[in-house]
């Protein structure tokens, strides 16, 4: 997978995340923070590990946990 394809995948992931969050207006603040943390963690993990799937999933897990703890 080329670098441009990885960047495009990261941008698409972010776009899907933003689109999916628009339907979450009735979620609790904790639920929203969890999803936002997971999304931010996935993007960060992907960037830091140069598109590694494991890095993306790890970032999402850590981000979701941190987002869940923030109130």
PDB file of N, CA and C in Angstrom:
ATOM      1  N   UNK A   1       0.846  -1.166   0.000  1.00  0.00           N
ATOM      2  CA  UNK A   1       0.000   0.000   0.000  1.00  0.00           C
ATOM      3  C   UNK A   1       0.897   1.235   0.000  1.00  0.00           C
ATOM      4  N   UNK A   2       0.657   2.126  -0.904  1.00  0.00           N
ATOM      5  CA  UNK A   2       1.498   3.324  -1.011  1.00  0.00           C
ATOM      6  C   UNK A   2       1.146   4.338   0.087  1.00  0.00           C
ATOM      7  N   UNK A   3       2.019   5.294   0.244  1.00  0.00           N
ATOM      8  CA  UNK A   3       1.807   6.326   1.264  1.00  0.00           C
ATOM      9  C   UNK A   3       0.548   7.128   0.951  1.00  0.00           C
ATOM     10  N   UNK A   4       0.313   7.434  -0.327  1.00  0.00           N
ATOM     11  CA  UNK A   4      -0.889   8.186  -0.697  1.00  0.00           C
ATOM     12  C   UNK A   4      -2.154   7.405  -0.373  1.00  0.00           C
ATOM     13  N   UNK A   5      -2.125   6.097  -0.581  1.00  0.00           N
ATOM     14  CA  UNK A   5      -3.289   5.277  -0.260  1.00  0.00           C
ATOM     15  C   UNK A   5      -3.530   5.254   1.248  1.00  0.00           C
ATOM     16  N   UNK A   6      -2.462   5.198   2.027  1.00  0.00           N
ATOM     17  CA  UNK A   6      -2.611   5.210   3.484  1.00  0.00           C
ATOM     18  C   UNK A   6      -3.163   6.546   3.966  1.00  0.00           C
ATOM     19  N   UNK A   7      -2.688   7.618   3.370  1.00  0.00           N
ATOM     20  CA  UNK A   7      -3.214   8.941   3.750  1.00  0.00           C
ATOM     21  C   UNK A   7      -4.688   9.050   3.387  1.00  0.00           C
ATOM     22  N   UNK A   8      -5.046   8.534   2.203  1.00  0.00           N
ATOM     23  CA  UNK A   8      -6.444   8.574   1.777  1.00  0.00           C
ATOM     24  C   UNK A   8      -7.311   7.751   2.727  1.00  0.00           C
ATOM     25  N   UNK A   9      -6.804   6.590   3.145  1.00  0.00           N
ATOM     26  CA  UNK A   9      -7.557   5.761   4.087  1.00  0.00           C
ATOM     27  C   UNK A   9      -7.747   6.481   5.412  1.00  0.00           C
ATOM     28  N   UNK A  10      -6.732   7.184   5.878  1.00  0.00           N
ATOM     29  CA  UNK A  10      -6.837   7.934   7.134  1.00  0.00           C
ATOM     30  C   UNK A  10      -7.855   9.062   7.007  1.00  0.00           C
ATOM     31  N   UNK A  11      -7.830   9.762   5.882  1.00  0.00           N
ATOM     32  CA  UNK A  11      -8.798  10.838   5.654  1.00  0.00           C
ATOM     33  C   UNK A  11     -10.209  10.278   5.576  1.00  0.00           C
ATOM     34  N   UNK A  12     -10.361   9.147   4.906  1.00  0.00           N
ATOM     35  CA  UNK A  12     -11.689   8.535   4.810  1.00  0.00           C
ATOM     36  C   UNK A  12     -12.190   8.085   6.174  1.00  0.00           C
ATOM     37  N   UNK A  13     -11.298   7.537   6.990  1.00  0.00           N
ATOM     38  CA  UNK A  13     -11.677   7.139   8.342  1.00  0.00           C
ATOM     39  C   UNK A  13     -12.159   8.339   9.144  1.00  0.00           C
ATOM     40  N   UNK A  14     -11.449   9.443   9.037  1.00  0.00           N
ATOM     41  CA  UNK A  14     -11.855  10.657   9.746  1.00  0.00           C
ATOM     42  C   UNK A  14     -13.202  11.162   9.241  1.00  0.00           C
ATOM     43  N   UNK A  15     -13.423  11.106   7.925  1.00  0.00           N
ATOM     44  CA  UNK A  15     -14.695  11.567   7.354  1.00  0.00           C
ATOM     45  C   UNK A  15     -15.848  10.684   7.817  1.00  0.00           C
ATOM     46  N   UNK A  16     -15.632   9.390   7.859  1.00  0.00           N
ATOM     47  CA  UNK A  16     -16.675   8.477   8.334  1.00  0.00           C
ATOM     48  C   UNK A  16     -16.966   8.726   9.807  1.00  0.00           C
ATOM     49  N   UNK A  17     -15.921   8.982  10.573  1.00  0.00           N
ATOM     50  CA  UNK A  17     -16.105   9.268  11.994  1.00  0.00           C
ATOM     51  C   UNK A  17     -16.946  10.522  12.198  1.00  0.00           C
ATOM     52  N   UNK A  18     -16.631  11.574  11.472  1.00  0.00           N
ATOM     53  CA  UNK A  18     -17.381  12.828  11.592  1.00  0.00           C
ATOM     54  C   UNK A  18     -18.835  12.618  11.172  1.00  0.00           C
ATOM     55  N   UNK A  19     -19.047  11.894  10.073  1.00  0.00           N
ATOM     56  CA  UNK A  19     -20.409  11.648   9.594  1.00  0.00           C
ATOM     57  C   UNK A  19     -21.194  10.810  10.596  1.00  0.00           C
ATOM     58  N   UNK A  20     -20.540   9.818  11.195  1.00  0.00           N
ATOM     59  CA  UNK A  20     -21.267   8.968  12.142  1.00  0.00           C
ATOM     60  C   UNK A  20     -21.574   9.698  13.444  1.00  0.00           C
ATOM     61  N   UNK A  21     -20.709  10.626  13.833  1.00  0.00           N
ATOM     62  CA  UNK A  21     -20.963  11.371  15.067  1.00  0.00           C
ATOM     63  C   UNK A  21     -22.136  12.338  14.933  1.00  0.00           C
ATOM     64  N   UNK A  22     -22.463  12.716  13.717  1.00  0.00           N
ATOM     65  CA  UNK A  22     -23.580  13.648  13.538  1.00  0.00           C
ATOM     66  C   UNK A  22     -24.914  13.010  13.924  1.00  0.00           C
ATOM     67  N   UNK A  23     -24.986  11.696  13.941  1.00  0.00           N
ATOM     68  CA  UNK A  23     -26.220  11.006  14.326  1.00  0.00           C
ATOM     69  C   UNK A  23     -26.269  10.650  15.799  1.00  0.00           C
ATOM     70  N   UNK A  24     -25.374  11.153  16.585  1.00  0.00           N
ATOM     71  CA  UNK A  24     -25.256  10.764  17.991  1.00  0.00           C
ATOM     72  C   UNK A  24     -25.691  11.870  18.946  1.00  0.00           C
ATOM     73  N   UNK A  25     -26.625  12.674  18.555  1.00  0.00           N
ATOM     74  CA  UNK A  25     -26.999  13.827  19.374  1.00  0.00           C
ATOM     75  C   UNK A  25     -27.701  13.436  20.675  1.00  0.00           C
ATOM     76  N   UNK A  26     -28.290  12.250  20.733  1.00  0.00           N
ATOM     77  CA  UNK A  26     -28.992  11.861  21.951  1.00  0.00           C
ATOM     78  C   UNK A  26     -28.138  10.983  22.863  1.00  0.00           C
ATOM     79  N   UNK A  27     -26.850  10.850  22.585  1.00  0.00           N
ATOM     80  CA  UNK A  27     -25.959  10.083  23.437  1.00  0.00           C
ATOM     81  C   UNK A  27     -25.585  10.891  24.670  1.00  0.00           C
ATOM     82  N   UNK A  28     -25.198  10.184  25.713  1.00  0.00           N
ATOM     83  CA  UNK A  28     -24.721  10.876  26.907  1.00  0.00           C
ATOM     84  C   UNK A  28     -23.345  11.479  26.621  1.00  0.00           C
ATOM     85  N   UNK A  29     -22.939  12.382  27.481  1.00  0.00           N
ATOM     86  CA  UNK A  29     -21.634  13.032  27.307  1.00  0.00           C
ATOM     87  C   UNK A  29     -20.509  11.996  27.376  1.00  0.00           C
ATOM     88  N   UNK A  30     -20.624  11.031  28.244  1.00  0.00           N
ATOM     89  CA  UNK A  30     -19.596   9.993  28.385  1.00  0.00           C
ATOM     90  C   UNK A  30     -19.506   9.143  27.121  1.00  0.00           C
ATOM     91  N   UNK A  31     -20.661   8.792  26.537  1.00  0.00           N
ATOM     92  CA  UNK A  31     -20.657   8.018  25.292  1.00  0.00           C
ATOM     93  C   UNK A  31     -19.970   8.788  24.172  1.00  0.00           C
ATOM     94  N   UNK A  32     -20.295  10.051  24.049  1.00  0.00           N
ATOM     95  CA  UNK A  32     -19.667  10.881  23.009  1.00  0.00           C
ATOM     96  C   UNK A  32     -18.166  10.997  23.227  1.00  0.00           C
ATOM     97  N   UNK A  33     -17.753  11.214  24.470  1.00  0.00           N
ATOM     98  CA  UNK A  33     -16.321  11.317  24.768  1.00  0.00           C
ATOM     99  C   UNK A  33     -15.589  10.019  24.438  1.00  0.00           C
ATOM    100  N   UNK A  34     -16.239   8.883  24.687  1.00  0.00           N
ATOM    101  CA  UNK A  34     -15.632   7.597  24.373  1.00  0.00           C
ATOM    102  C   UNK A  34     -15.413   7.453  22.874  1.00  0.00           C
ATOM    103  N   UNK A  35     -16.431   7.791  22.091  1.00  0.00           N
ATOM    104  CA  UNK A  35     -16.326   7.669  20.637  1.00  0.00           C
ATOM    105  C   UNK A  35     -15.315   8.665  20.075  1.00  0.00           C
ATOM    106  N   UNK A  36     -15.334   9.869  20.568  1.00  0.00           N
ATOM    107  CA  UNK A  36     -14.383  10.874  20.092  1.00  0.00           C
ATOM    108  C   UNK A  36     -12.954  10.452  20.456  1.00  0.00           C
ATOM    109  N   UNK A  37     -12.774   9.950  21.659  1.00  0.00           N
ATOM    110  CA  UNK A  37     -11.453   9.476  22.068  1.00  0.00           C
ATOM    111  C   UNK A  37     -10.978   8.309  21.220  1.00  0.00           C
ATOM    112  N   UNK A  38     -11.889   7.382  20.921  1.00  0.00           N
ATOM    113  CA  UNK A  38     -11.522   6.240  20.083  1.00  0.00           C
ATOM    114  C   UNK A  38     -11.150   6.696  18.675  1.00  0.00           C
ATOM    115  N   UNK A  39     -11.903   7.627  18.130  1.00  0.00           N
ATOM    116  CA  UNK A  39     -11.593   8.134  16.789  1.00  0.00           C
ATOM    117  C   UNK A  39     -10.275   8.864  16.744  1.00  0.00           C
ATOM    118  N   UNK A  40     -10.061   9.720  17.724  1.00  0.00           N
ATOM    119  CA  UNK A  40      -8.800  10.466  17.776  1.00  0.00           C
ATOM    120  C   UNK A  40      -7.627   9.519  18.016  1.00  0.00           C
ATOM    121  N   UNK A  41      -7.836   8.536  18.866  1.00  0.00           N
ATOM    122  CA  UNK A  41      -6.784   7.554  19.125  1.00  0.00           C
ATOM    123  C   UNK A  41      -6.460   6.724  17.901  1.00  0.00           C
ATOM    124  N   UNK A  42      -7.485   6.354  17.137  1.00  0.00           N
ATOM    125  CA  UNK A  42      -7.260   5.584  15.910  1.00  0.00           C
ATOM    126  C   UNK A  42      -6.456   6.389  14.901  1.00  0.00           C
ATOM    127  N   UNK A  43      -6.810   7.640  14.747  1.00  0.00           N
ATOM    128  CA  UNK A  43      -6.069   8.499  13.808  1.00  0.00           C
ATOM    129  C   UNK A  43      -4.639   8.685  14.300  1.00  0.00           C
ATOM    130  N   UNK A  44      -4.475   8.964  15.582  1.00  0.00           N
ATOM    131  CA  UNK A  44      -3.135   9.129  16.137  1.00  0.00           C
ATOM    132  C   UNK A  44      -2.303   7.862  16.038  1.00  0.00           C
ATOM    133  N   UNK A  45      -2.917   6.729  16.349  1.00  0.00           N
ATOM    134  CA  UNK A  45      -2.199   5.458  16.250  1.00  0.00           C
ATOM    135  C   UNK A  45      -1.790   5.141  14.828  1.00  0.00           C
ATOM    136  N   UNK A  46      -2.665   5.461  13.893  1.00  0.00           N
ATOM    137  CA  UNK A  46      -2.352   5.228  12.480  1.00  0.00           C
ATOM    138  C   UNK A  46      -1.192   6.109  12.027  1.00  0.00           C
ATOM    139  N   UNK A  47      -1.214   7.348  12.435  1.00  0.00           N
ATOM    140  CA  UNK A  47      -0.146   8.278  12.038  1.00  0.00           C
ATOM    141  C   UNK A  47       1.185   7.870  12.677  1.00  0.00           C
ATOM    142  N   UNK A  48       1.158   7.554  13.964  1.00  0.00           N
ATOM    143  CA  UNK A  48       2.399   7.230  14.669  1.00  0.00           C
ATOM    144  C   UNK A  48       3.023   5.919  14.197  1.00  0.00           C
ATOM    145  N   UNK A  49       2.203   4.977  13.720  1.00  0.00           N
ATOM    146  CA  UNK A  49       2.734   3.679  13.288  1.00  0.00           C
ATOM    147  C   UNK A  49       2.756   3.550  11.772  1.00  0.00           C
ATOM    148  N   UNK A  50       2.597   4.678  11.079  1.00  0.00           N
ATOM    149  CA  UNK A  50       2.660   4.709   9.617  1.00  0.00           C
ATOM    150  C   UNK A  50       1.626   3.787   8.971  1.00  0.00           C
ATOM    151  N   UNK A  51       0.420   3.792   9.504  1.00  0.00           N
ATOM    152  CA  UNK A  51      -0.688   3.058   8.903  1.00  0.00           C
ATOM    153  C   UNK A  51      -0.826   1.612   9.335  1.00  0.00           C
ATOM    154  N   UNK A  52      -0.106   1.194  10.340  1.00  0.00           N
ATOM    155  CA  UNK A  52      -0.217  -0.177  10.833  1.00  0.00           C
ATOM    156  C   UNK A  52      -1.625  -0.421  11.388  1.00  0.00           C
ATOM    157  N   UNK A  53      -2.214  -1.534  11.016  1.00  0.00           N
ATOM    158  CA  UNK A  53      -3.546  -1.873  11.522  1.00  0.00           C
ATOM    159  C   UNK A  53      -3.558  -2.061  13.025  1.00  0.00           C
ATOM    160  N   UNK A  54      -2.517  -2.718  13.521  1.00  0.00           N
ATOM    161  CA  UNK A  54      -2.425  -2.940  14.965  1.00  0.00           C
ATOM    162  C   UNK A  54      -2.258  -1.630  15.722  1.00  0.00           C
ATOM    163  N   UNK A  55      -1.475  -0.715  15.168  1.00  0.00           N
ATOM    164  CA  UNK A  55      -1.303   0.593  15.783  1.00  0.00           C
ATOM    165  C   UNK A  55      -2.590   1.394  15.791  1.00  0.00           C
ATOM    166  N   UNK A  56      -3.362   1.269  14.700  1.00  0.00           N
ATOM    167  CA  UNK A  56      -4.647   1.965  14.612  1.00  0.00           C
ATOM    168  C   UNK A  56      -5.624   1.425  15.651  1.00  0.00           C
ATOM    169  N   UNK A  57      -5.711   0.101  15.754  1.00  0.00           N
ATOM    170  CA  UNK A  57      -6.618  -0.502  16.742  1.00  0.00           C
ATOM    171  C   UNK A  57      -6.176  -0.202  18.174  1.00  0.00           C
ATOM    172  N   UNK A  58      -4.871  -0.259  18.400  1.00  0.00           N
ATOM    173  CA  UNK A  58      -4.360   0.065  19.737  1.00  0.00           C
ATOM    174  C   UNK A  58      -4.647   1.499  20.115  1.00  0.00           C
ATOM    175  N   UNK A  59      -4.454   2.408  19.159  1.00  0.00           N
ATOM    176  CA  UNK A  59      -4.755   3.818  19.414  1.00  0.00           C
ATOM    177  C   UNK A  59      -6.228   4.041  19.696  1.00  0.00           C
ATOM    178  N   UNK A  60      -7.086   3.323  18.952  1.00  0.00           N
ATOM    179  CA  UNK A  60      -8.529   3.449  19.177  1.00  0.00           C
ATOM    180  C   UNK A  60      -8.912   2.945  20.565  1.00  0.00           C
ATOM    181  N   UNK A  61      -8.307   1.841  20.976  1.00  0.00           N
ATOM    182  CA  UNK A  61      -8.625   1.282  22.295  1.00  0.00           C
ATOM    183  C   UNK A  61      -8.182   2.225  23.411  1.00  0.00           C
ATOM    184  N   UNK A  62      -6.959   2.703  23.312  1.00  0.00           N
ATOM    185  CA  UNK A  62      -6.449   3.608  24.346  1.00  0.00           C
ATOM    186  C   UNK A  62      -7.242   4.917  24.355  1.00  0.00           C
ATOM    187  N   UNK A  63      -7.510   5.460  23.172  1.00  0.00           N
ATOM    188  CA  UNK A  63      -8.290   6.695  23.083  1.00  0.00           C
ATOM    189  C   UNK A  63      -9.697   6.535  23.631  1.00  0.00           C
ATOM    190  N   UNK A  64     -10.314   5.382  23.359  1.00  0.00           N
ATOM    191  CA  UNK A  64     -11.656   5.137  23.884  1.00  0.00           C
ATOM    192  C   UNK A  64     -11.686   5.056  25.402  1.00  0.00           C
ATOM    193  N   UNK A  65     -10.667   4.426  25.958  1.00  0.00           N
ATOM    194  CA  UNK A  65     -10.585   4.329  27.420  1.00  0.00           C
ATOM    195  C   UNK A  65     -10.379   5.701  28.035  1.00  0.00           C
ATOM    196  N   UNK A  66      -9.476   6.474  27.454  1.00  0.00           N
ATOM    197  CA  UNK A  66      -9.232   7.826  27.980  1.00  0.00           C
ATOM    198  C   UNK A  66     -10.476   8.680  27.832  1.00  0.00           C
ATOM    199  N   UNK A  67     -11.121   8.621  26.663  1.00  0.00           N
ATOM    200  CA  UNK A  67     -12.336   9.396  26.446  1.00  0.00           C
ATOM    201  C   UNK A  67     -13.455   9.009  27.402  1.00  0.00           C
ATOM    202  N   UNK A  68     -13.517   7.731  27.761  1.00  0.00           N
ATOM    203  CA  UNK A  68     -14.548   7.267  28.680  1.00  0.00           C
ATOM    204  C   UNK A  68     -14.329   7.810  30.096  1.00  0.00           C
ATOM    205  N   UNK A  69     -13.069   8.002  30.449  1.00  0.00           N
ATOM    206  CA  UNK A  69     -12.750   8.484  31.795  1.00  0.00           C
ATOM    207  C   UNK A  69     -12.948   9.995  31.943  1.00  0.00           C
ATOM    208  N   UNK A  70     -12.929  10.717  30.824  1.00  0.00           N
ATOM    209  CA  UNK A  70     -13.106  12.176  30.879  1.00  0.00           C
ATOM    210  C   UNK A  70     -14.590  12.477  31.005  1.00  0.00           C
ATOM    211  N   UNK A  71     -14.946  13.307  31.938  1.00  0.00           N
ATOM    212  CA  UNK A  71     -16.356  13.649  32.116  1.00  0.00           C
ATOM    213  C   UNK A  71     -16.584  15.123  32.104  1.00  0.00           C
TER     214      UNK A  71
END
